[in-house]
Amino acid sequence: MKEAVDAFLADLEERRGASPHTVLNYRLDLDQMREWLAGRSVKVWTDVDRRTVRAWASWMGSEGYAKASIARKLSAARSLYRYLVREEQAERSPFMLVPAPKGGKHLPVVLTVDEIERLVTAPDPQSRLGIRDRAMLELMYATGLRVSELLSLNLDSIDWNQQLVRVTGKGTKERLVLVGEIARDALDLYLHGSRPLLARDRILDALFLNHYGKPLSVRGFHLVLQHHLRSAGITRHVTPHTLRHSFATHMLEGGADLRSVQELLGHASVSTTQVYTHVSEGYLRDLYAQARGGR
């Protein structure tokens, strides 16, 4: 099944000119589908029928996936089957009569402060990769960076004197983001105690490296995050963007004004940031209900 996905993604990139980011997202979605199918002893794409597709969509819904995420994953699988049919590797697509879920506004998933604490302390503080992972998680939560922004940082992106990180966001727009003491300490430990052990090419200036000494990829970060979520005992569906959502929500709960959070996140419009005011209100109500219930 993996070979078919590899061939489809190569075709997507070569024939349709898809960007590396798009190809990566397709791969993540299709790999997740393959894992789900493998757990149900489905070993070839032609064994997937309409009932299997509906079961997969239902499972994602029960796991708390947003409707937009489910629609995206179904779309990736539909595209795969169009390719398989065109290449005469499948007679028909099982997705033909399966409608995509209707979109709708939904509030982002946010981790509690306790869950954040468990997550950022999950990496092994004695290993070079654990030190790196702690620095990445602390920096993401402290700044609200997108994962693409985090992994595009270079050594000279950090201004230690001003305690700032220079970030290149969407549309190549640059912004400066303050870094708190905890994240700075984690970064300092990584740069002086871990990165030198990972770096094989001394000229390479990427901030975060993998165990081969190369720049860490988005897929690599996804795998790192999922590993530490399991170690922290967090079973909810969490993505790198969840850390960004959590940063924004906790900032507003702490009294930050909406415009400041907008600038920190790099949102072009404050209307994009306003969703976090609703998340913050709901989060506080949940905490209040938990406190009342625990008495």
C-alpha atoms as a PDB file:
ATOM      1  CA  MET A   1       0.000   0.000   0.000  1.00  0.00           C
ATOM      2  CA  LYS A   2       2.887   2.332   0.714  1.00  0.00           C
ATOM      3  CA  GLU A   3       4.240   1.876  -2.812  1.00  0.00           C
ATOM      4  CA  ALA A   4       0.941   3.082  -4.283  1.00  0.00           C
ATOM      5  CA  VAL A   5       1.009   6.169  -2.042  1.00  0.00           C
ATOM      6  CA  ASP A   6       4.618   6.924  -3.033  1.00  0.00           C
ATOM      7  CA  ALA A   7       3.742   6.652  -6.737  1.00  0.00           C
ATOM      8  CA  PHE A   8       0.646   8.829  -6.297  1.00  0.00           C
ATOM      9  CA  LEU A   9       2.592  11.550  -4.454  1.00  0.00           C
ATOM     10  CA  ALA A  10       5.337  11.506  -7.092  1.00  0.00           C
ATOM     11  CA  ASP A  11       2.654  11.973  -9.740  1.00  0.00           C
ATOM     12  CA  LEU A  12       1.059  14.747  -7.676  1.00  0.00           C
ATOM     13  CA  GLU A  13       4.362  16.588  -7.510  1.00  0.00           C
ATOM     14  CA  GLU A  14       5.476  16.038 -11.098  1.00  0.00           C
ATOM     15  CA  ARG A  15       2.211  16.203 -13.058  1.00  0.00           C
ATOM     16  CA  ARG A  16       0.294  18.733 -10.981  1.00  0.00           C
ATOM     17  CA  GLY A  17       3.234  20.712  -9.592  1.00  0.00           C
ATOM     18  CA  ALA A  18       2.118  20.306  -5.976  1.00  0.00           C
ATOM     19  CA  SER A  19       4.312  22.028  -3.384  1.00  0.00           C
ATOM     20  CA  PRO A  20       6.410  19.990  -0.914  1.00  0.00           C
ATOM     21  CA  HIS A  21       4.094  21.200   1.868  1.00  0.00           C
ATOM     22  CA  THR A  22       1.009  19.880   0.044  1.00  0.00           C
ATOM     23  CA  VAL A  23       2.718  16.573  -0.692  1.00  0.00           C
ATOM     24  CA  LEU A  24       3.688  16.228   2.965  1.00  0.00           C
ATOM     25  CA  ASN A  25       0.122  16.859   4.130  1.00  0.00           C
ATOM     26  CA  TYR A  26      -1.197  14.255   1.682  1.00  0.00           C
ATOM     27  CA  ARG A  27       1.387  11.766   2.934  1.00  0.00           C
ATOM     28  CA  LEU A  28       0.489  12.339   6.593  1.00  0.00           C
ATOM     29  CA  ASP A  29      -3.231  11.887   5.877  1.00  0.00           C
ATOM     30  CA  LEU A  30      -2.742   8.776   3.745  1.00  0.00           C
ATOM     31  CA  ASP A  31      -0.245   7.235   6.169  1.00  0.00           C
ATOM     32  CA  GLN A  32      -2.785   7.664   8.951  1.00  0.00           C
ATOM     33  CA  MET A  33      -5.423   5.969   6.802  1.00  0.00           C
ATOM     34  CA  ARG A  34      -3.033   3.093   6.029  1.00  0.00           C
ATOM     35  CA  GLU A  35      -2.363   2.587   9.751  1.00  0.00           C
ATOM     36  CA  TRP A  36      -6.090   2.540  10.487  1.00  0.00           C
ATOM     37  CA  LEU A  37      -6.689   0.027   7.673  1.00  0.00           C
ATOM     38  CA  ALA A  38      -3.785  -2.154   8.836  1.00  0.00           C
ATOM     39  CA  GLY A  39      -5.427  -2.358  12.257  1.00  0.00           C
ATOM     40  CA  ARG A  40      -8.423  -3.879  10.500  1.00  0.00           C
ATOM     41  CA  SER A  41      -6.344  -6.323   8.432  1.00  0.00           C
ATOM     42  CA  VAL A  42      -6.844  -4.427   5.156  1.00  0.00           C
ATOM     43  CA  LYS A  43      -3.611  -4.890   3.216  1.00  0.00           C
ATOM     44  CA  VAL A  44      -4.456  -3.686  -0.321  1.00  0.00           C
ATOM     45  CA  TRP A  45      -6.250  -0.575  -1.523  1.00  0.00           C
ATOM     46  CA  THR A  46      -8.664  -2.575  -3.664  1.00  0.00           C
ATOM     47  CA  ASP A  47     -10.101  -4.242  -0.532  1.00  0.00           C
ATOM     48  CA  VAL A  48     -11.456  -0.900   0.707  1.00  0.00           C
ATOM     49  CA  ASP A  49     -15.183  -0.553   0.093  1.00  0.00           C
ATOM     50  CA  ARG A  50     -17.794   2.103   0.859  1.00  0.00           C
ATOM     51  CA  ARG A  51     -18.558   0.578   4.263  1.00  0.00           C
ATOM     52  CA  THR A  52     -14.850   0.761   5.178  1.00  0.00           C
ATOM     53  CA  VAL A  53     -14.703   4.418   4.166  1.00  0.00           C
ATOM     54  CA  ARG A  54     -17.759   5.262   6.250  1.00  0.00           C
ATOM     55  CA  ALA A  55     -16.293   3.398   9.221  1.00  0.00           C
ATOM     56  CA  TRP A  56     -13.063   5.382   8.887  1.00  0.00           C
ATOM     57  CA  ALA A  57     -14.932   8.685   8.722  1.00  0.00           C
ATOM     58  CA  SER A  58     -17.042   7.666  11.726  1.00  0.00           C
ATOM     59  CA  TRP A  59     -13.921   6.702  13.681  1.00  0.00           C
ATOM     60  CA  MET A  60     -12.327  10.096  13.004  1.00  0.00           C
ATOM     61  CA  GLY A  61     -15.477  11.810  14.200  1.00  0.00           C
ATOM     62  CA  SER A  62     -15.499   9.776  17.417  1.00  0.00           C
ATOM     63  CA  GLU A  63     -11.827  10.677  17.974  1.00  0.00           C
ATOM     64  CA  GLY A  64     -12.686  14.368  17.946  1.00  0.00           C
ATOM     65  CA  TYR A  65     -11.276  15.330  14.547  1.00  0.00           C
ATOM     66  CA  ALA A  66     -12.673  18.606  13.235  1.00  0.00           C
ATOM     67  CA  LYS A  67     -15.037  18.375  10.277  1.00  0.00           C
ATOM     68  CA  ALA A  68     -12.541  20.297   8.159  1.00  0.00           C
ATOM     69  CA  SER A  69      -9.811  17.780   9.014  1.00  0.00           C
ATOM     70  CA  ILE A  70     -12.053  14.833   8.164  1.00  0.00           C
ATOM     71  CA  ALA A  71     -13.019  16.476   4.873  1.00  0.00           C
ATOM     72  CA  ARG A  72      -9.336  17.039   4.046  1.00  0.00           C
ATOM     73  CA  LYS A  73      -8.406  13.427   4.774  1.00  0.00           C
ATOM     74  CA  LEU A  74     -11.311  12.114   2.712  1.00  0.00           C
ATOM     75  CA  SER A  75     -10.255  14.418  -0.112  1.00  0.00           C
ATOM     76  CA  ALA A  76      -6.687  13.064  -0.001  1.00  0.00           C
ATOM     77  CA  ALA A  77      -8.003   9.488  -0.194  1.00  0.00           C
ATOM     78  CA  ARG A  78     -10.366  10.405  -3.045  1.00  0.00           C
ATOM     79  CA  SER A  79      -7.425  11.837  -4.968  1.00  0.00           C
ATOM     80  CA  LEU A  80      -5.441   8.660  -4.360  1.00  0.00           C
ATOM     81  CA  TYR A  81      -8.257   6.528  -5.758  1.00  0.00           C
ATOM     82  CA  ARG A  82      -8.647   8.767  -8.798  1.00  0.00           C
ATOM     83  CA  TYR A  83      -4.988   8.085  -9.477  1.00  0.00           C
ATOM     84  CA  LEU A  84      -5.392   4.330  -8.920  1.00  0.00           C
ATOM     85  CA  VAL A  85      -8.380   4.176 -11.281  1.00  0.00           C
ATOM     86  CA  ARG A  86      -6.564   6.233 -13.915  1.00  0.00           C
ATOM     87  CA  GLU A  87      -3.538   3.940 -13.680  1.00  0.00           C
ATOM     88  CA  GLU A  88      -5.852   0.892 -13.862  1.00  0.00           C
ATOM     89  CA  GLN A  89      -4.756  -0.289 -10.418  1.00  0.00           C
ATOM     90  CA  ALA A  90      -8.355  -0.154  -9.180  1.00  0.00           C
ATOM     91  CA  GLU A  91     -11.658  -0.580 -11.011  1.00  0.00           C
ATOM     92  CA  ARG A  92     -13.597   2.010  -9.063  1.00  0.00           C
ATOM     93  CA  SER A  93     -13.315   4.369  -6.125  1.00  0.00           C
ATOM     94  CA  PRO A  94     -15.100   3.477  -2.856  1.00  0.00           C
ATOM     95  CA  PHE A  95     -15.495   7.219  -2.235  1.00  0.00           C
ATOM     96  CA  MET A  96     -17.914   7.859  -5.096  1.00  0.00           C
ATOM     97  CA  LEU A  97     -21.056   7.981  -2.939  1.00  0.00           C
ATOM     98  CA  VAL A  98     -19.463   9.100   0.333  1.00  0.00           C
ATOM     99  CA  PRO A  99     -20.205  12.795   0.971  1.00  0.00           C
ATOM    100  CA  ALA A 100     -17.681  15.007   2.710  1.00  0.00           C
ATOM    101  CA  PRO A 101     -18.854  16.333   6.102  1.00  0.00           C
ATOM    102  CA  LYS A 102     -20.338  19.795   5.920  1.00  0.00           C
ATOM    103  CA  GLY A 103     -17.989  22.444   7.175  1.00  0.00           C
ATOM    104  CA  GLY A 104     -18.825  24.644  10.098  1.00  0.00           C
ATOM    105  CA  LYS A 105     -17.231  26.913  12.595  1.00  0.00           C
ATOM    106  CA  HIS A 106     -15.470  25.100  15.366  1.00  0.00           C
ATOM    107  CA  LEU A 107     -13.344  26.182  18.264  1.00  0.00           C
ATOM    108  CA  PRO A 108      -9.705  25.103  18.300  1.00  0.00           C
ATOM    109  CA  VAL A 109      -8.555  22.379  20.669  1.00  0.00           C
ATOM    110  CA  VAL A 110      -6.602  23.851  23.588  1.00  0.00           C
ATOM    111  CA  LEU A 111      -4.435  22.060  26.122  1.00  0.00           C
ATOM    112  CA  THR A 112      -4.773  22.926  29.780  1.00  0.00           C
ATOM    113  CA  VAL A 113      -1.820  24.440  31.630  1.00  0.00           C
ATOM    114  CA  ASP A 114      -1.339  21.095  33.397  1.00  0.00           C
ATOM    115  CA  GLU A 115      -1.258  19.241  30.075  1.00  0.00           C
ATOM    116  CA  ILE A 116       1.272  21.726  28.690  1.00  0.00           C
ATOM    117  CA  GLU A 117       3.456  21.190  31.743  1.00  0.00           C
ATOM    118  CA  ARG A 118       3.293  17.413  31.339  1.00  0.00           C
ATOM    119  CA  LEU A 119       4.074  17.684  27.636  1.00  0.00           C
ATOM    120  CA  VAL A 120       7.094  19.986  27.854  1.00  0.00           C
ATOM    121  CA  THR A 121       8.597  17.941  30.692  1.00  0.00           C
ATOM    122  CA  ALA A 122       8.059  14.606  28.925  1.00  0.00           C
ATOM    123  CA  PRO A 123      11.371  14.613  26.939  1.00  0.00           C
ATOM    124  CA  ASP A 124      14.361  12.906  28.558  1.00  0.00           C
ATOM    125  CA  PRO A 125      16.491  15.712  30.079  1.00  0.00           C
ATOM    126  CA  GLN A 126      19.623  13.545  29.874  1.00  0.00           C
ATOM    127  CA  SER A 127      19.543  12.788  26.130  1.00  0.00           C
ATOM    128  CA  ARG A 128      20.588  15.132  23.339  1.00  0.00           C
ATOM    129  CA  LEU A 129      17.286  14.613  21.491  1.00  0.00           C
ATOM    130  CA  GLY A 130      15.327  15.061  24.712  1.00  0.00           C
ATOM    131  CA  ILE A 131      17.086  18.389  25.342  1.00  0.00           C
ATOM    132  CA  ARG A 132      16.295  19.429  21.764  1.00  0.00           C
ATOM    133  CA  ASP A 133      12.643  18.398  22.083  1.00  0.00           C
ATOM    134  CA  ARG A 134      12.205  20.297  25.350  1.00  0.00           C
ATOM    135  CA  ALA A 135      13.633  23.422  23.712  1.00  0.00           C
ATOM    136  CA  MET A 136      11.281  23.103  20.719  1.00  0.00           C
ATOM    137  CA  LEU A 137       8.177  22.537  22.818  1.00  0.00           C
ATOM    138  CA  GLU A 138       9.017  25.333  25.244  1.00  0.00           C
ATOM    139  CA  LEU A 139       9.707  27.747  22.393  1.00  0.00           C
ATOM    140  CA  MET A 140       6.509  26.858  20.519  1.00  0.00           C
ATOM    141  CA  TYR A 141       4.347  27.308  23.585  1.00  0.00           C
ATOM    142  CA  ALA A 142       6.157  30.481  24.673  1.00  0.00           C
ATOM    143  CA  THR A 143       5.826  32.194  21.307  1.00  0.00           C
ATOM    144  CA  GLY A 144       2.864  30.657  19.468  1.00  0.00           C
ATOM    145  CA  LEU A 145       5.002  29.913  16.410  1.00  0.00           C
ATOM    146  CA  ARG A 146       3.662  27.807  13.566  1.00  0.00           C
ATOM    147  CA  VAL A 147       5.621  24.579  13.130  1.00  0.00           C
ATOM    148  CA  SER A 148       6.898  25.801   9.746  1.00  0.00           C
ATOM    149  CA  GLU A 149       8.137  28.990  11.412  1.00  0.00           C
ATOM    150  CA  LEU A 150       9.816  27.056  14.212  1.00  0.00           C
ATOM    151  CA  LEU A 151      11.686  24.778  11.825  1.00  0.00           C
ATOM    152  CA  SER A 152      12.780  27.635   9.564  1.00  0.00           C
ATOM    153  CA  LEU A 153      14.649  29.357  12.420  1.00  0.00           C
ATOM    154  CA  ASN A 154      18.402  29.710  12.068  1.00  0.00           C
ATOM    155  CA  LEU A 155      21.073  30.315  14.678  1.00  0.00           C
ATOM    156  CA  ASP A 156      21.032  34.032  13.935  1.00  0.00           C
ATOM    157  CA  SER A 157      17.237  34.223  14.357  1.00  0.00           C
ATOM    158  CA  ILE A 158      17.737  34.600  18.107  1.00  0.00           C
ATOM    159  CA  ASP A 159      18.660  37.973  19.589  1.00  0.00           C
ATOM    160  CA  TRP A 160      19.915  37.063  23.048  1.00  0.00           C
ATOM    161  CA  ASN A 161      20.465  40.676  24.116  1.00  0.00           C
ATOM    162  CA  GLN A 162      16.917  41.750  23.285  1.00  0.00           C
ATOM    163  CA  GLN A 163      15.437  38.337  24.218  1.00  0.00           C
ATOM    164  CA  LEU A 164      13.708  38.154  20.839  1.00  0.00           C
ATOM    165  CA  VAL A 165      13.244  35.683  18.022  1.00  0.00           C
ATOM    166  CA  ARG A 166      13.065  36.963  14.453  1.00  0.00           C
ATOM    167  CA  VAL A 167      10.358  34.959  12.671  1.00  0.00           C
ATOM    168  CA  THR A 168       9.497  34.770   8.973  1.00  0.00           C
ATOM    169  CA  GLY A 169       5.789  34.029   8.724  1.00  0.00           C
ATOM    170  CA  LYS A 170       3.219  33.685   5.953  1.00  0.00           C
ATOM    171  CA  GLY A 171       3.881  35.810   2.904  1.00  0.00           C
ATOM    172  CA  THR A 172       7.526  36.132   4.046  1.00  0.00           C
ATOM    173  CA  LYS A 173       6.400  38.737   6.569  1.00  0.00           C
ATOM    174  CA  GLU A 174       8.891  39.157   9.381  1.00  0.00           C
ATOM    175  CA  ARG A 175       7.957  39.734  12.994  1.00  0.00           C
ATOM    176  CA  LEU A 176       9.792  39.865  16.320  1.00  0.00           C
ATOM    177  CA  VAL A 177       8.548  37.712  19.183  1.00  0.00           C
ATOM    178  CA  LEU A 178       9.606  37.944  22.821  1.00  0.00           C
ATOM    179  CA  VAL A 179      10.942  34.772  24.423  1.00  0.00           C
ATOM    180  CA  GLY A 180      10.349  34.144  28.124  1.00  0.00           C
ATOM    181  CA  GLU A 181      12.952  32.987  30.606  1.00  0.00           C
ATOM    182  CA  ILE A 182      11.931  29.314  30.695  1.00  0.00           C
ATOM    183  CA  ALA A 183      12.101  28.969  26.914  1.00  0.00           C
ATOM    184  CA  ARG A 184      15.397  30.907  26.809  1.00  0.00           C
ATOM    185  CA  ASP A 185      16.951  28.551  29.362  1.00  0.00           C
ATOM    186  CA  ALA A 186      15.778  25.502  27.402  1.00  0.00           C
ATOM    187  CA  LEU A 187      17.179  27.008  24.190  1.00  0.00           C
ATOM    188  CA  ASP A 188      20.485  27.851  25.848  1.00  0.00           C
ATOM    189  CA  LEU A 189      20.865  24.290  27.135  1.00  0.00           C
ATOM    190  CA  TYR A 190      20.102  22.911  23.672  1.00  0.00           C
ATOM    191  CA  LEU A 191      22.519  25.233  21.872  1.00  0.00           C
ATOM    192  CA  HIS A 192      25.417  24.579  24.225  1.00  0.00           C
ATOM    193  CA  GLY A 193      24.775  21.041  25.406  1.00  0.00           C
ATOM    194  CA  SER A 194      22.906  19.217  22.655  1.00  0.00           C
ATOM    195  CA  ARG A 195      23.135  20.856  19.236  1.00  0.00           C
ATOM    196  CA  PRO A 196      26.958  20.582  19.060  1.00  0.00           C
ATOM    197  CA  LEU A 197      26.547  16.804  19.488  1.00  0.00           C
ATOM    198  CA  LEU A 198      23.962  16.649  16.693  1.00  0.00           C
ATOM    199  CA  ALA A 199      25.699  18.961  14.225  1.00  0.00           C
ATOM    200  CA  ARG A 200      27.882  17.088  11.767  1.00  0.00           C
ATOM    201  CA  ASP A 201      28.073  19.915   9.266  1.00  0.00           C
ATOM    202  CA  ARG A 202      29.530  22.809  11.231  1.00  0.00           C
ATOM    203  CA  ILE A 203      28.491  25.272   8.529  1.00  0.00           C
ATOM    204  CA  LEU A 204      24.795  24.358   8.793  1.00  0.00           C
ATOM    205  CA  ASP A 205      22.922  27.188  10.527  1.00  0.00           C
ATOM    206  CA  ALA A 206      19.470  25.597  10.958  1.00  0.00           C
ATOM    207  CA  LEU A 207      18.496  25.876  14.613  1.00  0.00           C
ATOM    208  CA  PHE A 208      16.819  22.497  15.136  1.00  0.00           C
ATOM    209  CA  LEU A 209      18.541  19.384  13.798  1.00  0.00           C
ATOM    210  CA  ASN A 210      17.547  15.734  13.561  1.00  0.00           C
ATOM    211  CA  HIS A 211      19.696  12.845  14.758  1.00  0.00           C
ATOM    212  CA  TYR A 212      21.455  12.782  11.374  1.00  0.00           C
ATOM    213  CA  GLY A 213      22.590  16.372  11.859  1.00  0.00           C
ATOM    214  CA  LYS A 214      20.216  17.677   9.169  1.00  0.00           C
ATOM    215  CA  PRO A 215      17.417  20.252   9.600  1.00  0.00           C
ATOM    216  CA  LEU A 216      14.418  18.672  11.320  1.00  0.00           C
ATOM    217  CA  SER A 217      11.447  18.261   8.956  1.00  0.00           C
ATOM    218  CA  VAL A 218       7.775  18.984   9.648  1.00  0.00           C
ATOM    219  CA  ARG A 219       7.070  15.250   9.498  1.00  0.00           C
ATOM    220  CA  GLY A 220       9.890  14.657  11.959  1.00  0.00           C
ATOM    221  CA  PHE A 221       8.362  17.175  14.353  1.00  0.00           C
ATOM    222  CA  HIS A 222       4.955  15.488  14.065  1.00  0.00           C
ATOM    223  CA  LEU A 223       6.543  12.185  15.112  1.00  0.00           C
ATOM    224  CA  VAL A 224       8.383  13.851  18.004  1.00  0.00           C
ATOM    225  CA  LEU A 225       5.193  15.509  19.233  1.00  0.00           C
ATOM    226  CA  GLN A 226       3.129  12.314  19.087  1.00  0.00           C
ATOM    227  CA  HIS A 227       5.831  10.421  21.005  1.00  0.00           C
ATOM    228  CA  HIS A 228       5.853  12.948  23.842  1.00  0.00           C
ATOM    229  CA  LEU A 229       2.046  13.203  23.917  1.00  0.00           C
ATOM    230  CA  ARG A 230       1.931   9.458  24.592  1.00  0.00           C
ATOM    231  CA  SER A 231       4.608   9.810  27.297  1.00  0.00           C
ATOM    232  CA  ALA A 232       2.613  12.632  28.900  1.00  0.00           C
ATOM    233  CA  GLY A 233      -0.581  10.554  28.888  1.00  0.00           C
ATOM    234  CA  ILE A 234      -2.429  13.009  26.637  1.00  0.00           C
ATOM    235  CA  THR A 235      -4.851  11.011  24.494  1.00  0.00           C
ATOM    236  CA  ARG A 236      -6.724  13.836  22.775  1.00  0.00           C
ATOM    237  CA  HIS A 237      -6.070  14.634  19.111  1.00  0.00           C
ATOM    238  CA  VAL A 238      -3.245  17.187  19.268  1.00  0.00           C
ATOM    239  CA  THR A 239      -1.335  18.764  16.396  1.00  0.00           C
ATOM    240  CA  PRO A 240       1.552  21.276  16.396  1.00  0.00           C
ATOM    241  CA  HIS A 241      -1.067  23.984  15.860  1.00  0.00           C
ATOM    242  CA  THR A 242      -2.665  23.001  19.176  1.00  0.00           C
ATOM    243  CA  LEU A 243       0.360  24.511  20.951  1.00  0.00           C
ATOM    244  CA  ARG A 244      -0.250  27.758  19.069  1.00  0.00           C
ATOM    245  CA  HIS A 245      -3.936  27.690  20.037  1.00  0.00           C
ATOM    246  CA  SER A 246      -2.980  27.022  23.657  1.00  0.00           C
ATOM    247  CA  PHE A 247      -0.469  29.897  23.704  1.00  0.00           C
ATOM    248  CA  ALA A 248      -3.061  32.377  22.397  1.00  0.00           C
ATOM    249  CA  THR A 249      -5.814  31.213  24.740  1.00  0.00           C
ATOM    250  CA  HIS A 250      -3.596  31.254  27.823  1.00  0.00           C
ATOM    251  CA  MET A 251      -2.277  34.716  26.896  1.00  0.00           C
ATOM    252  CA  LEU A 252      -5.820  36.095  26.787  1.00  0.00           C
ATOM    253  CA  GLU A 253      -6.678  34.364  30.053  1.00  0.00           C
ATOM    254  CA  GLY A 254      -3.636  36.027  31.583  1.00  0.00           C
ATOM    255  CA  GLY A 255      -4.931  39.467  30.646  1.00  0.00           C
ATOM    256  CA  ALA A 256      -3.186  40.148  27.319  1.00  0.00           C
ATOM    257  CA  ASP A 257      -5.155  42.355  24.928  1.00  0.00           C
ATOM    258  CA  LEU A 258      -6.378  41.046  21.592  1.00  0.00           C
ATOM    259  CA  ARG A 259      -4.165  43.311  19.458  1.00  0.00           C
ATOM    260  CA  SER A 260      -1.018  42.159  21.252  1.00  0.00           C
ATOM    261  CA  VAL A 261      -1.917  38.503  20.699  1.00  0.00           C
ATOM    262  CA  GLN A 262      -2.679  39.288  17.048  1.00  0.00           C
ATOM    263  CA  GLU A 263       0.820  40.741  16.585  1.00  0.00           C
ATOM    264  CA  LEU A 264       2.486  37.837  18.371  1.00  0.00           C
ATOM    265  CA  LEU A 265       0.664  35.307  16.206  1.00  0.00           C
ATOM    266  CA  GLY A 266       1.321  37.225  13.008  1.00  0.00           C
ATOM    267  CA  HIS A 267      -2.358  37.399  12.055  1.00  0.00           C
ATOM    268  CA  ALA A 268      -3.116  39.868   9.270  1.00  0.00           C
ATOM    269  CA  SER A 269      -6.566  40.603  10.717  1.00  0.00           C
ATOM    270  CA  VAL A 270      -7.723  40.789  14.315  1.00  0.00           C
ATOM    271  CA  SER A 271     -10.886  38.898  13.290  1.00  0.00           C
ATOM    272  CA  THR A 272      -8.722  35.777  12.929  1.00  0.00           C
ATOM    273  CA  THR A 273      -7.530  36.200  16.503  1.00  0.00           C
ATOM    274  CA  GLN A 274     -11.007  36.807  17.928  1.00  0.00           C
ATOM    275  CA  VAL A 275     -11.840  33.087  17.958  1.00  0.00           C
ATOM    276  CA  TYR A 276      -9.540  32.757  20.967  1.00  0.00           C
ATOM    277  CA  THR A 277     -11.729  35.057  23.039  1.00  0.00           C
ATOM    278  CA  HIS A 278     -14.509  32.442  22.709  1.00  0.00           C
ATOM    279  CA  VAL A 279     -12.076  29.610  23.461  1.00  0.00           C
ATOM    280  CA  SER A 280     -10.824  31.462  26.512  1.00  0.00           C
ATOM    281  CA  GLU A 281     -14.340  32.007  27.867  1.00  0.00           C
ATOM    282  CA  GLY A 282     -15.230  28.348  27.342  1.00  0.00           C
ATOM    283  CA  TYR A 283     -11.976  27.180  28.892  1.00  0.00           C
ATOM    284  CA  LEU A 284     -12.544  29.254  32.030  1.00  0.00           C
ATOM    285  CA  ARG A 285     -16.114  27.956  32.344  1.00  0.00           C
ATOM    286  CA  ASP A 286     -14.789  24.393  32.142  1.00  0.00           C
ATOM    287  CA  LEU A 287     -12.215  25.089  34.863  1.00  0.00           C
ATOM    288  CA  TYR A 288     -14.904  26.607  37.058  1.00  0.00           C
ATOM    289  CA  ALA A 289     -17.167  23.594  36.525  1.00  0.00           C
ATOM    290  CA  GLN A 290     -14.298  21.223  37.367  1.00  0.00           C
ATOM    291  CA  ALA A 291     -13.532  23.160  40.539  1.00  0.00           C
ATOM    292  CA  ARG A 292     -17.189  23.072  41.597  1.00  0.00           C
ATOM    293  CA  GLY A 293     -17.411  19.374  40.816  1.00  0.00           C
ATOM    294  CA  GLY A 294     -14.268  18.576  42.764  1.00  0.00           C
ATOM    295  CA  ARG A 295     -15.597  19.967  46.059  1.00  0.00           C
END
